[in-house]
C-alpha atoms as a PDB file:
ATOM      1  CA  MET A   1     141.199 208.251  83.908  1.00  0.00           C
ATOM      2  CA  ASP A   2     142.400 210.783  81.300  1.00  0.00           C
ATOM      3  CA  LYS A   3     140.764 210.521  77.988  1.00  0.00           C
ATOM      4  CA  LYS A   4     141.941 212.062  74.540  1.00  0.00           C
ATOM      5  CA  SER A   5     139.810 212.727  71.149  1.00  0.00           C
ATOM      6  CA  TYR A   6     140.881 211.057  67.840  1.00  0.00           C
ATOM      7  CA  ARG A   7     139.662 211.138  64.506  1.00  0.00           C
ATOM      8  CA  ALA A   8     138.208 207.819  63.096  1.00  0.00           C
ATOM      9  CA  SER A   9     137.173 206.860  59.065  1.00  0.00           C
ATOM     10  CA  PHE A  10     135.973 204.525  56.877  1.00  0.00           C
ATOM     11  CA  HIS A  11     137.511 202.311  54.102  1.00  0.00           C
ATOM     12  CA  GLN A  12     137.321 199.266  52.100  1.00  0.00           C
ATOM     13  CA  ALA A  13     139.998 196.702  51.366  1.00  0.00           C
ATOM     14  CA  THR A  14     140.405 195.989  47.820  1.00  0.00           C
ATOM     15  CA  HIS A  15     143.382 193.314  46.696  1.00  0.00           C
ATOM     16  CA  ALA A  16     144.663 192.322  43.217  1.00  0.00           C
ATOM     17  CA  ILE A  17     142.733 190.187  40.601  1.00  0.00           C
ATOM     18  CA  GLY A  18     143.692 186.469  41.085  1.00  0.00           C
ATOM     19  CA  ILE A  19     144.495 186.807  44.638  1.00  0.00           C
ATOM     20  CA  PRO A  20     143.991 182.964  46.482  1.00  0.00           C
ATOM     21  CA  SER A  21     140.762 182.951  48.008  1.00  0.00           C
ATOM     22  CA  GLY A  22     141.856 181.832  51.430  1.00  0.00           C
ATOM     23  CA  ILE A  23     143.202 185.377  51.822  1.00  0.00           C
ATOM     24  CA  SER A  24     140.548 187.222  49.807  1.00  0.00           C
ATOM     25  CA  ASP A  25     137.878 185.299  52.510  1.00  0.00           C
ATOM     26  CA  ASP A  26     139.366 185.990  55.273  1.00  0.00           C
ATOM     27  CA  ILE A  27     142.265 188.622  54.897  1.00  0.00           C
ATOM     28  CA  PHE A  28     143.544 189.064  58.377  1.00  0.00           C
ATOM     29  CA  GLY A  29     143.069 185.248  59.075  1.00  0.00           C
ATOM     30  CA  ALA A  30     146.511 184.884  58.762  1.00  0.00           C
ATOM     31  CA  PHE A  31     147.435 187.492  61.682  1.00  0.00           C
ATOM     32  CA  ASN A  32     145.054 186.063  64.096  1.00  0.00           C
ATOM     33  CA  VAL A  33     148.215 183.698  65.775  1.00  0.00           C
ATOM     34  CA  ALA A  34     149.778 184.528  69.234  1.00  0.00           C
ATOM     35  CA  ASP A  35     153.015 185.973  68.183  1.00  0.00           C
ATOM     36  CA  PRO A  36     152.349 187.819  64.743  1.00  0.00           C
ATOM     37  CA  ALA A  37     156.008 187.694  62.710  1.00  0.00           C
ATOM     38  CA  PRO A  38     157.386 191.068  63.008  1.00  0.00           C
ATOM     39  CA  ILE A  39     157.395 192.373  59.462  1.00  0.00           C
ATOM     40  CA  GLU A  40     160.403 194.851  57.867  1.00  0.00           C
ATOM     41  CA  ASN A  41     158.624 198.500  55.682  1.00  0.00           C
ATOM     42  CA  GLY A  42     161.088 201.202  55.264  1.00  0.00           C
ATOM     43  CA  VAL A  43     162.992 202.117  58.268  1.00  0.00           C
ATOM     44  CA  TYR A  44     160.062 200.219  60.839  1.00  0.00           C
ATOM     45  CA  THR A  45     159.204 197.436  61.919  1.00  0.00           C
ATOM     46  CA  TYR A  46     155.461 196.467  61.849  1.00  0.00           C
ATOM     47  CA  LYS A  47     153.220 193.784  64.194  1.00  0.00           C
ATOM     48  CA  ILE A  48     149.880 193.451  63.099  1.00  0.00           C
ATOM     49  CA  VAL A  49     147.729 192.182  66.404  1.00  0.00           C
ATOM     50  CA  VAL A  50     144.004 190.813  65.689  1.00  0.00           C
ATOM     51  CA  ASN A  51     141.579 189.061  67.581  1.00  0.00           C
ATOM     52  CA  ARG A  52     138.743 187.137  65.906  1.00  0.00           C
ATOM     53  CA  THR A  53     135.796 188.068  67.802  1.00  0.00           C
ATOM     54  CA  GLY A  54     132.583 186.975  65.673  1.00  0.00           C
ATOM     55  CA  GLN A  55     132.074 185.463  62.254  1.00  0.00           C
ATOM     56  CA  GLY A  56     134.804 187.420  60.223  1.00  0.00           C
ATOM     57  CA  VAL A  57     135.089 190.201  62.445  1.00  0.00           C
ATOM     58  CA  TYR A  58     138.580 191.365  63.956  1.00  0.00           C
ATOM     59  CA  LEU A  59     139.680 194.016  66.832  1.00  0.00           C
ATOM     60  CA  GLY A  60     143.135 195.160  65.582  1.00  0.00           C
ATOM     61  CA  GLU A  61     146.189 197.010  66.155  1.00  0.00           C
ATOM     62  CA  LEU A  62     148.722 197.890  64.357  1.00  0.00           C
ATOM     63  CA  LYS A  63     152.338 198.313  66.026  1.00  0.00           C
ATOM     64  CA  ARG A  64     154.799 200.074  64.734  1.00  0.00           C
ATOM     65  CA  TYR A  65     159.091 199.616  66.311  1.00  0.00           C
ATOM     66  CA  GLY A  66     161.649 202.014  65.637  1.00  0.00           C
ATOM     67  CA  ARG A  67     164.325 204.312  67.237  1.00  0.00           C
ATOM     68  CA  ASP A  68     162.446 207.477  67.033  1.00  0.00           C
ATOM     69  CA  ASN A  69     164.270 209.999  69.103  1.00  0.00           C
ATOM     70  CA  LEU A  70     163.021 210.235  72.716  1.00  0.00           C
ATOM     71  CA  PRO A  71     161.832 213.827  74.448  1.00  0.00           C
ATOM     72  CA  HIS A  72     163.364 215.113  77.436  1.00  0.00           C
ATOM     73  CA  ALA A  73     162.748 214.775  80.905  1.00  0.00           C
ATOM     74  CA  GLY A  74     163.791 217.299  83.829  1.00  0.00           C
ATOM     75  CA  THR A  75     161.886 219.438  86.696  1.00  0.00           C
ATOM     76  CA  LEU A  76     160.459 223.392  85.976  1.00  0.00           C
ATOM     77  CA  GLU A  77     163.796 224.478  87.419  1.00  0.00           C
ATOM     78  CA  GLY A  78     166.441 221.833  86.997  1.00  0.00           C
ATOM     79  CA  PRO A  79     168.679 220.682  84.266  1.00  0.00           C
ATOM     80  CA  GLU A  80     167.117 218.344  81.777  1.00  0.00           C
ATOM     81  CA  ARG A  81     168.370 214.663  80.877  1.00  0.00           C
ATOM     82  CA  GLU A  82     168.062 212.764  77.593  1.00  0.00           C
ATOM     83  CA  LEU A  83     165.765 209.231  77.763  1.00  0.00           C
ATOM     84  CA  GLU A  84     168.018 206.627  76.316  1.00  0.00           C
ATOM     85  CA  LEU A  85     166.958 203.235  74.868  1.00  0.00           C
ATOM     86  CA  ALA A  86     168.601 200.355  75.674  1.00  0.00           C
ATOM     87  CA  GLN A  87     170.216 198.788  72.248  1.00  0.00           C
ATOM     88  CA  GLU A  88     167.871 195.758  72.247  1.00  0.00           C
ATOM     89  CA  GLU A  89     164.917 198.439  72.777  1.00  0.00           C
ATOM     90  CA  LYS A  90     162.610 200.291  69.949  1.00  0.00           C
ATOM     91  CA  THR A  91     160.094 202.789  70.488  1.00  0.00           C
ATOM     92  CA  ILE A  92     156.426 201.728  70.216  1.00  0.00           C
ATOM     93  CA  ASP A  93     153.359 203.557  68.585  1.00  0.00           C
ATOM     94  CA  ARG A  94     150.156 201.877  67.920  1.00  0.00           C
ATOM     95  CA  ASN A  95     146.925 202.521  65.630  1.00  0.00           C
ATOM     96  CA  TYR A  96     143.854 200.464  66.116  1.00  0.00           C
ATOM     97  CA  PHE A  97     141.382 199.221  63.949  1.00  0.00           C
ATOM     98  CA  ILE A  98     138.168 196.705  63.307  1.00  0.00           C
ATOM     99  CA  PHE A  99     137.957 195.033  60.400  1.00  0.00           C
ATOM    100  CA  TYR A 100     134.471 193.398  59.075  1.00  0.00           C
ATOM    101  CA  GLN A 101     135.197 191.015  56.633  1.00  0.00           C
ATOM    102  CA  ASN A 102     131.882 190.387  54.971  1.00  0.00           C
ATOM    103  CA  ARG A 103     132.206 194.305  53.532  1.00  0.00           C
ATOM    104  CA  ARG A 104     135.709 194.068  53.951  1.00  0.00           C
ATOM    105  CA  LEU A 105     135.134 197.337  55.541  1.00  0.00           C
ATOM    106  CA  LEU A 106     137.957 198.697  57.538  1.00  0.00           C
ATOM    107  CA  VAL A 107     136.959 201.314  60.725  1.00  0.00           C
ATOM    108  CA  TRP A 108     140.358 202.956  61.421  1.00  0.00           C
ATOM    109  CA  GLN A 109     141.609 205.325  64.223  1.00  0.00           C
ATOM    110  CA  ASP A 110     143.348 207.911  62.577  1.00  0.00           C
ATOM    111  CA  ASN A 111     146.514 209.097  64.250  1.00  0.00           C
ATOM    112  CA  ARG A 112     148.665 210.361  61.002  1.00  0.00           C
ATOM    113  CA  ARG A 113     151.938 210.795  63.858  1.00  0.00           C
ATOM    114  CA  VAL A 114     152.001 207.097  63.862  1.00  0.00           C
ATOM    115  CA  SER A 115     151.069 205.379  60.526  1.00  0.00           C
ATOM    116  CA  SER A 116     148.518 205.735  57.771  1.00  0.00           C
ATOM    117  CA  VAL A 117     145.552 203.284  56.306  1.00  0.00           C
ATOM    118  CA  GLY A 118     148.153 203.348  53.119  1.00  0.00           C
ATOM    119  CA  ILE A 119     150.988 201.824  56.001  1.00  0.00           C
ATOM    120  CA  LEU A 120     148.669 199.170  57.053  1.00  0.00           C
ATOM    121  CA  GLY A 121     148.069 198.029  53.483  1.00  0.00           C
ATOM    122  CA  GLN A 122     151.508 198.142  52.732  1.00  0.00           C
ATOM    123  CA  VAL A 123     152.405 195.682  55.364  1.00  0.00           C
ATOM    124  CA  ILE A 124     149.621 193.364  54.680  1.00  0.00           C
ATOM    125  CA  SER A 125     150.903 192.951  51.281  1.00  0.00           C
ATOM    126  CA  LYS A 126     154.456 192.379  52.619  1.00  0.00           C
ATOM    127  CA  ALA A 127     153.549 189.421  54.901  1.00  0.00           C
ATOM    128  CA  LEU A 128     150.952 187.799  52.158  1.00  0.00           C
ATOM    129  CA  GLY A 129     152.409 188.388  49.102  1.00  0.00           C
ATOM    130  CA  THR A 130     149.513 189.775  47.405  1.00  0.00           C
ATOM    131  CA  THR A 131     148.713 193.602  46.897  1.00  0.00           C
ATOM    132  CA  VAL A 132     146.131 194.436  49.351  1.00  0.00           C
ATOM    133  CA  SER A 133     144.819 198.476  49.960  1.00  0.00           C
ATOM    134  CA  PHE A 134     142.145 200.158  51.083  1.00  0.00           C
ATOM    135  CA  SER A 135     140.031 203.151  49.729  1.00  0.00           C
ATOM    136  CA  PRO A 136     137.875 205.362  51.837  1.00  0.00           C
ATOM    137  CA  VAL A 137     134.161 205.042  51.848  1.00  0.00           C
ATOM    138  CA  MET A 138     132.616 208.032  50.489  1.00  0.00           C
ATOM    139  CA  THR A 139     129.179 209.227  51.690  1.00  0.00           C
ATOM    140  CA  PRO A 140     126.570 207.179  49.691  1.00  0.00           C
ATOM    141  CA  GLU A 141     125.930 209.971  47.533  1.00  0.00           C
ATOM    142  CA  VAL A 142     129.479 210.262  46.050  1.00  0.00           C
ATOM    143  CA  THR A 143     129.312 206.628  46.081  1.00  0.00           C
ATOM    144  CA  ARG A 144     126.860 206.369  43.506  1.00  0.00           C
ATOM    145  CA  ALA A 145     128.381 208.804  41.333  1.00  0.00           C
ATOM    146  CA  LEU A 146     131.078 207.000  41.086  1.00  0.00           C
ATOM    147  CA  MET A 147     130.253 203.705  41.227  1.00  0.00           C
ATOM    148  CA  LEU A 148     127.523 204.190  38.586  1.00  0.00           C
ATOM    149  CA  GLN A 149     129.946 206.697  36.140  1.00  0.00           C
ATOM    150  CA  THR A 150     127.142 208.787  35.437  1.00  0.00           C
ATOM    151  CA  HIS A 151     129.582 211.521  36.185  1.00  0.00           C
ATOM    152  CA  ARG A 152     132.928 210.803  34.990  1.00  0.00           C
ATOM    153  CA  PRO A 153     136.037 212.955  36.146  1.00  0.00           C
ATOM    154  CA  LYS A 154     136.807 216.145  34.348  1.00  0.00           C
ATOM    155  CA  THR A 155     140.057 217.487  36.261  1.00  0.00           C
ATOM    156  CA  ILE A 156     141.658 216.027  39.215  1.00  0.00           C
ATOM    157  CA  GLU A 157     143.630 218.844  41.670  1.00  0.00           C
ATOM    158  CA  PHE A 158     145.687 218.433  44.592  1.00  0.00           C
ATOM    159  CA  SER A 159     148.388 219.884  47.219  1.00  0.00           C
ATOM    160  CA  VAL A 160     151.008 217.484  48.846  1.00  0.00           C
ATOM    161  CA  ALA A 161     154.080 218.228  51.339  1.00  0.00           C
ATOM    162  CA  LYS A 162     157.622 216.635  50.952  1.00  0.00           C
ATOM    163  CA  PRO A 163     157.290 212.949  52.034  1.00  0.00           C
ATOM    164  CA  THR A 164     159.538 212.229  55.106  1.00  0.00           C
ATOM    165  CA  ASN A 165     160.389 208.704  53.561  1.00  0.00           C
ATOM    166  CA  PRO A 166     159.362 208.322  49.837  1.00  0.00           C
ATOM    167  CA  GLN A 167     161.057 205.155  49.361  1.00  0.00           C
ATOM    168  CA  MET A 168     157.910 203.763  51.378  1.00  0.00           C
ATOM    169  CA  TYR A 169     155.890 203.798  48.517  1.00  0.00           C
ATOM    170  CA  ASP A 170     155.423 201.782  45.660  1.00  0.00           C
ATOM    171  CA  SER A 171     157.086 202.903  42.623  1.00  0.00           C
ATOM    172  CA  ASN A 172     154.250 201.577  40.168  1.00  0.00           C
ATOM    173  CA  ASP A 173     151.943 203.814  41.628  1.00  0.00           C
ATOM    174  CA  ASP A 174     151.101 207.186  40.276  1.00  0.00           C
ATOM    175  CA  SER A 175     151.125 208.674  43.834  1.00  0.00           C
ATOM    176  CA  ALA A 176     154.757 207.775  44.311  1.00  0.00           C
ATOM    177  CA  ARG A 177     156.271 209.125  41.262  1.00  0.00           C
ATOM    178  CA  ILE A 178     154.650 212.553  42.452  1.00  0.00           C
ATOM    179  CA  LEU A 179     155.873 212.249  45.881  1.00  0.00           C
ATOM    180  CA  ASN A 180     159.195 211.064  44.390  1.00  0.00           C
ATOM    181  CA  MET A 181     159.399 213.867  41.982  1.00  0.00           C
ATOM    182  CA  LEU A 182     158.873 216.550  44.511  1.00  0.00           C
ATOM    183  CA  SER A 183     161.043 214.885  47.066  1.00  0.00           C
ATOM    184  CA  GLY A 184     163.654 214.965  44.508  1.00  0.00           C
ATOM    185  CA  LEU A 185     163.409 218.550  43.510  1.00  0.00           C
ATOM    186  CA  GLY A 186     163.945 219.585  47.001  1.00  0.00           C
ATOM    187  CA  GLY A 187     160.142 220.758  47.146  1.00  0.00           C
ATOM    188  CA  LEU A 188     158.485 221.378  50.315  1.00  0.00           C
ATOM    189  CA  SER A 189     155.476 221.231  48.859  1.00  0.00           C
ATOM    190  CA  GLY A 190     153.505 221.437  45.776  1.00  0.00           C
ATOM    191  CA  SER A 191     149.814 221.996  43.889  1.00  0.00           C
ATOM    192  CA  PHE A 192     149.249 220.050  40.888  1.00  0.00           C
ATOM    193  CA  ARG A 193     146.108 220.598  38.287  1.00  0.00           C
ATOM    194  CA  ILE A 194     145.342 218.158  36.201  1.00  0.00           C
ATOM    195  CA  SER A 195     142.622 218.202  33.145  1.00  0.00           C
ATOM    196  CA  ALA A 196     141.583 216.529  30.566  1.00  0.00           C
ATOM    197  CA  ASN A 197     140.774 219.432  28.759  1.00  0.00           C
ATOM    198  CA  ALA A 198     142.676 222.517  27.377  1.00  0.00           C
ATOM    199  CA  GLN A 199     141.934 225.590  25.680  1.00  0.00           C
ATOM    200  CA  GLY A 200     139.775 225.116  22.477  1.00  0.00           C
ATOM    201  CA  ILE A 201     139.175 221.315  23.949  1.00  0.00           C
ATOM    202  CA  ARG A 202     135.906 220.415  25.762  1.00  0.00           C
ATOM    203  CA  GLY A 203     134.185 217.286  26.532  1.00  0.00           C
ATOM    204  CA  ARG A 204     137.231 215.024  27.699  1.00  0.00           C
ATOM    205  CA  VAL A 205     137.648 213.169  30.137  1.00  0.00           C
ATOM    206  CA  LEU A 206     140.324 211.312  32.318  1.00  0.00           C
ATOM    207  CA  ASP A 207     140.353 207.712  32.964  1.00  0.00           C
ATOM    208  CA  ALA A 208     138.464 207.330  35.899  1.00  0.00           C
ATOM    209  CA  ALA A 209     139.690 204.536  37.417  1.00  0.00           C
ATOM    210  CA  ARG A 210     143.308 205.559  37.282  1.00  0.00           C
ATOM    211  CA  ALA A 211     142.004 209.163  38.724  1.00  0.00           C
ATOM    212  CA  LEU A 212     139.985 207.934  41.662  1.00  0.00           C
ATOM    213  CA  GLY A 213     142.940 205.569  42.498  1.00  0.00           C
ATOM    214  CA  LEU A 214     145.356 208.629  42.533  1.00  0.00           C
ATOM    215  CA  GLY A 215     143.390 210.663  44.337  1.00  0.00           C
ATOM    216  CA  ASN A 216     142.633 207.457  47.510  1.00  0.00           C
ATOM    217  CA  SER A 217     146.506 206.989  47.512  1.00  0.00           C
ATOM    218  CA  LEU A 218     147.412 210.577  47.993  1.00  0.00           C
ATOM    219  CA  VAL A 219     144.785 210.814  50.479  1.00  0.00           C
ATOM    220  CA  GLU A 220     146.103 207.340  52.101  1.00  0.00           C
ATOM    221  CA  SER A 221     150.178 208.570  51.510  1.00  0.00           C
ATOM    222  CA  GLY A 222     149.327 211.080  54.740  1.00  0.00           C
ATOM    223  CA  TYR A 223     150.992 213.751  52.481  1.00  0.00           C
ATOM    224  CA  ALA A 224     147.884 215.417  50.472  1.00  0.00           C
ATOM    225  CA  ARG A 225     146.292 218.447  52.061  1.00  0.00           C
ATOM    226  CA  LYS A 226     144.111 218.643  48.984  1.00  0.00           C
ATOM    227  CA  VAL A 227     142.674 215.903  46.932  1.00  0.00           C
ATOM    228  CA  LYS A 228     139.869 217.106  44.644  1.00  0.00           C
ATOM    229  CA  LEU A 229     138.079 215.626  41.340  1.00  0.00           C
ATOM    230  CA  GLU A 230     135.476 217.828  39.253  1.00  0.00           C
ATOM    231  CA  LEU A 231     133.078 215.615  37.689  1.00  0.00           C
ATOM    232  CA  GLU A 232     130.901 215.845  34.140  1.00  0.00           C
ATOM    233  CA  GLY A 233     127.546 217.171  35.440  1.00  0.00           C
ATOM    234  CA  LEU A 234     128.247 218.168  39.023  1.00  0.00           C
ATOM    235  CA  GLU A 235     128.311 221.520  40.065  1.00  0.00           C
ATOM    236  CA  HIS A 236     130.560 221.211  42.721  1.00  0.00           C
ATOM    237  CA  PRO A 237     133.667 218.951  43.095  1.00  0.00           C
ATOM    238  CA  ILE A 238     134.259 216.028  44.668  1.00  0.00           C
ATOM    239  CA  ASP A 239     136.422 216.392  48.094  1.00  0.00           C
ATOM    240  CA  LEU A 240     137.673 213.197  48.817  1.00  0.00           C
ATOM    241  CA  PHE A 241     138.537 214.918  52.142  1.00  0.00           C
ATOM    242  CA  ALA A 242     135.510 216.238  53.216  1.00  0.00           C
ATOM    243  CA  ASP A 243     133.382 213.669  51.694  1.00  0.00           C
ATOM    244  CA  ARG A 244     134.432 210.699  53.367  1.00  0.00           C
ATOM    245  CA  LEU A 245     132.748 208.868  55.948  1.00  0.00           C
ATOM    246  CA  LYS A 246     134.403 209.863  58.888  1.00  0.00           C
ATOM    247  CA  GLY A 247     133.785 210.665  62.878  1.00  0.00           C
ATOM    248  CA  ARG A 248     135.558 211.711  66.173  1.00  0.00           C
ATOM    249  CA  ILE A 249     136.330 208.943  68.816  1.00  0.00           C
ATOM    250  CA  THR A 250     136.632 209.759  72.558  1.00  0.00           C
ATOM    251  CA  VAL A 251     138.991 207.229  74.127  1.00  0.00           C
ATOM    252  CA  GLU A 252     140.288 206.376  78.070  1.00  0.00           C
ATOM    253  CA  MET A 253     144.144 206.648  77.895  1.00  0.00           C
ATOM    254  CA  ARG A 254     146.713 204.230  79.936  1.00  0.00           C
ATOM    255  CA  GLY A 255     149.365 207.021  79.961  1.00  0.00           C
ATOM    256  CA  ARG A 256     150.428 207.346  76.640  1.00  0.00           C
ATOM    257  CA  TYR A 257     148.081 204.727  74.545  1.00  0.00           C
ATOM    258  CA  PRO A 258     144.599 204.229  74.384  1.00  0.00           C
ATOM    259  CA  VAL A 259     142.816 201.475  76.556  1.00  0.00           C
ATOM    260  CA  PRO A 260     142.459 198.626  73.947  1.00  0.00           C
ATOM    261  CA  GLU A 261     139.070 197.580  75.147  1.00  0.00           C
ATOM    262  CA  ASN A 262     137.389 201.225  75.145  1.00  0.00           C
ATOM    263  CA  ILE A 263     139.112 202.264  71.933  1.00  0.00           C
ATOM    264  CA  HIS A 264     137.698 199.195  70.322  1.00  0.00           C
ATOM    265  CA  GLN A 265     134.425 199.881  71.572  1.00  0.00           C
ATOM    266  CA  GLU A 266     134.052 203.667  70.712  1.00  0.00           C
ATOM    267  CA  LEU A 267     135.180 202.234  66.952  1.00  0.00           C
ATOM    268  CA  GLN A 268     132.148 199.729  67.374  1.00  0.00           C
ATOM    269  CA  THR A 269     130.018 202.625  68.179  1.00  0.00           C
ATOM    270  CA  LEU A 270     130.900 205.242  65.643  1.00  0.00           C
ATOM    271  CA  THR A 271     130.005 202.045  63.106  1.00  0.00           C
ATOM    272  CA  ASN A 272     126.362 201.860  64.515  1.00  0.00           C
ATOM    273  CA  GLU A 273     126.175 205.515  64.581  1.00  0.00           C
ATOM    274  CA  PHE A 274     126.956 205.450  60.392  1.00  0.00           C
ATOM    275  CA  ALA A 275     124.413 202.192  60.001  1.00  0.00           C
ATOM    276  CA  SER A 276     122.185 203.399  57.989  1.00  0.00           C
ATOM    277  CA  GLN A 277     124.613 205.217  55.329  1.00  0.00           C
ATOM    278  CA  LEU A 278     127.261 201.835  55.483  1.00  0.00           C
ATOM    279  CA  ASN A 279     123.545 199.649  54.616  1.00  0.00           C
ATOM    280  CA  GLU A 280     122.948 202.225  51.570  1.00  0.00           C
ATOM    281  CA  ILE A 281     126.274 201.773  50.287  1.00  0.00           C
ATOM    282  CA  PHE A 282     126.983 197.934  51.278  1.00  0.00           C
ATOM    283  CA  GLY A 283     123.331 196.969  51.848  1.00  0.00           C
ATOM    284  CA  GLN A 284     121.867 195.191  54.565  1.00  0.00           C
END
């Protein structure tokens, strides 16, 4: 059986203040049904398929349905032909994940050709009628620096590429405004550095929550190539790509897609490998 390697990463769910306890205590509970409802988001339709296997543990799959162009088929020497969809058919792509409700911890198969964690948050938010998002889990060292606020951000520096579909982003989100501006100007990429200080002005800091929120949102958008925060008292900046908890999994493939049982097993194995760091961040 063919095998393929994917990146996988760890994220924590956050939600709006005042969210109903039935949702906050069991974010994926509403999707644990035989036939989940389709959810429109941008040019695609999504389904969230989950299977609850234990106390608040979900094996999940985000399915994306669209009308993407198909590749051509043909022999080495012969003519090519176009593969076509029937009128009622759609292309299907998938991302797999495991969610642990007790820690609100998402272990995600990174496959940005399909969807990002940010898209998962948007789909859940539309289905539940309240805002749910996912922030990357950082290393224990970075987590301590950010949570204890002993080192506050002085600058944020990032590079982004032009979004293919800027309408998919929440207009109230700082990252959406930046991506929409880039797209509206006709730019293909942009590099930005936002500093709380200037020539002759020192000692000021950025709004910590907003700077980190912008950084996380840019990472999850799938269009950022660099996101760094320079903090007070730290010699080296925090890199929101390099300093995340992440790893690689190698999974068995069945044609175009991973074998579901195998990829969930590999995501669980990766979680076990990071157990000591996760315990340091979240507690036992």
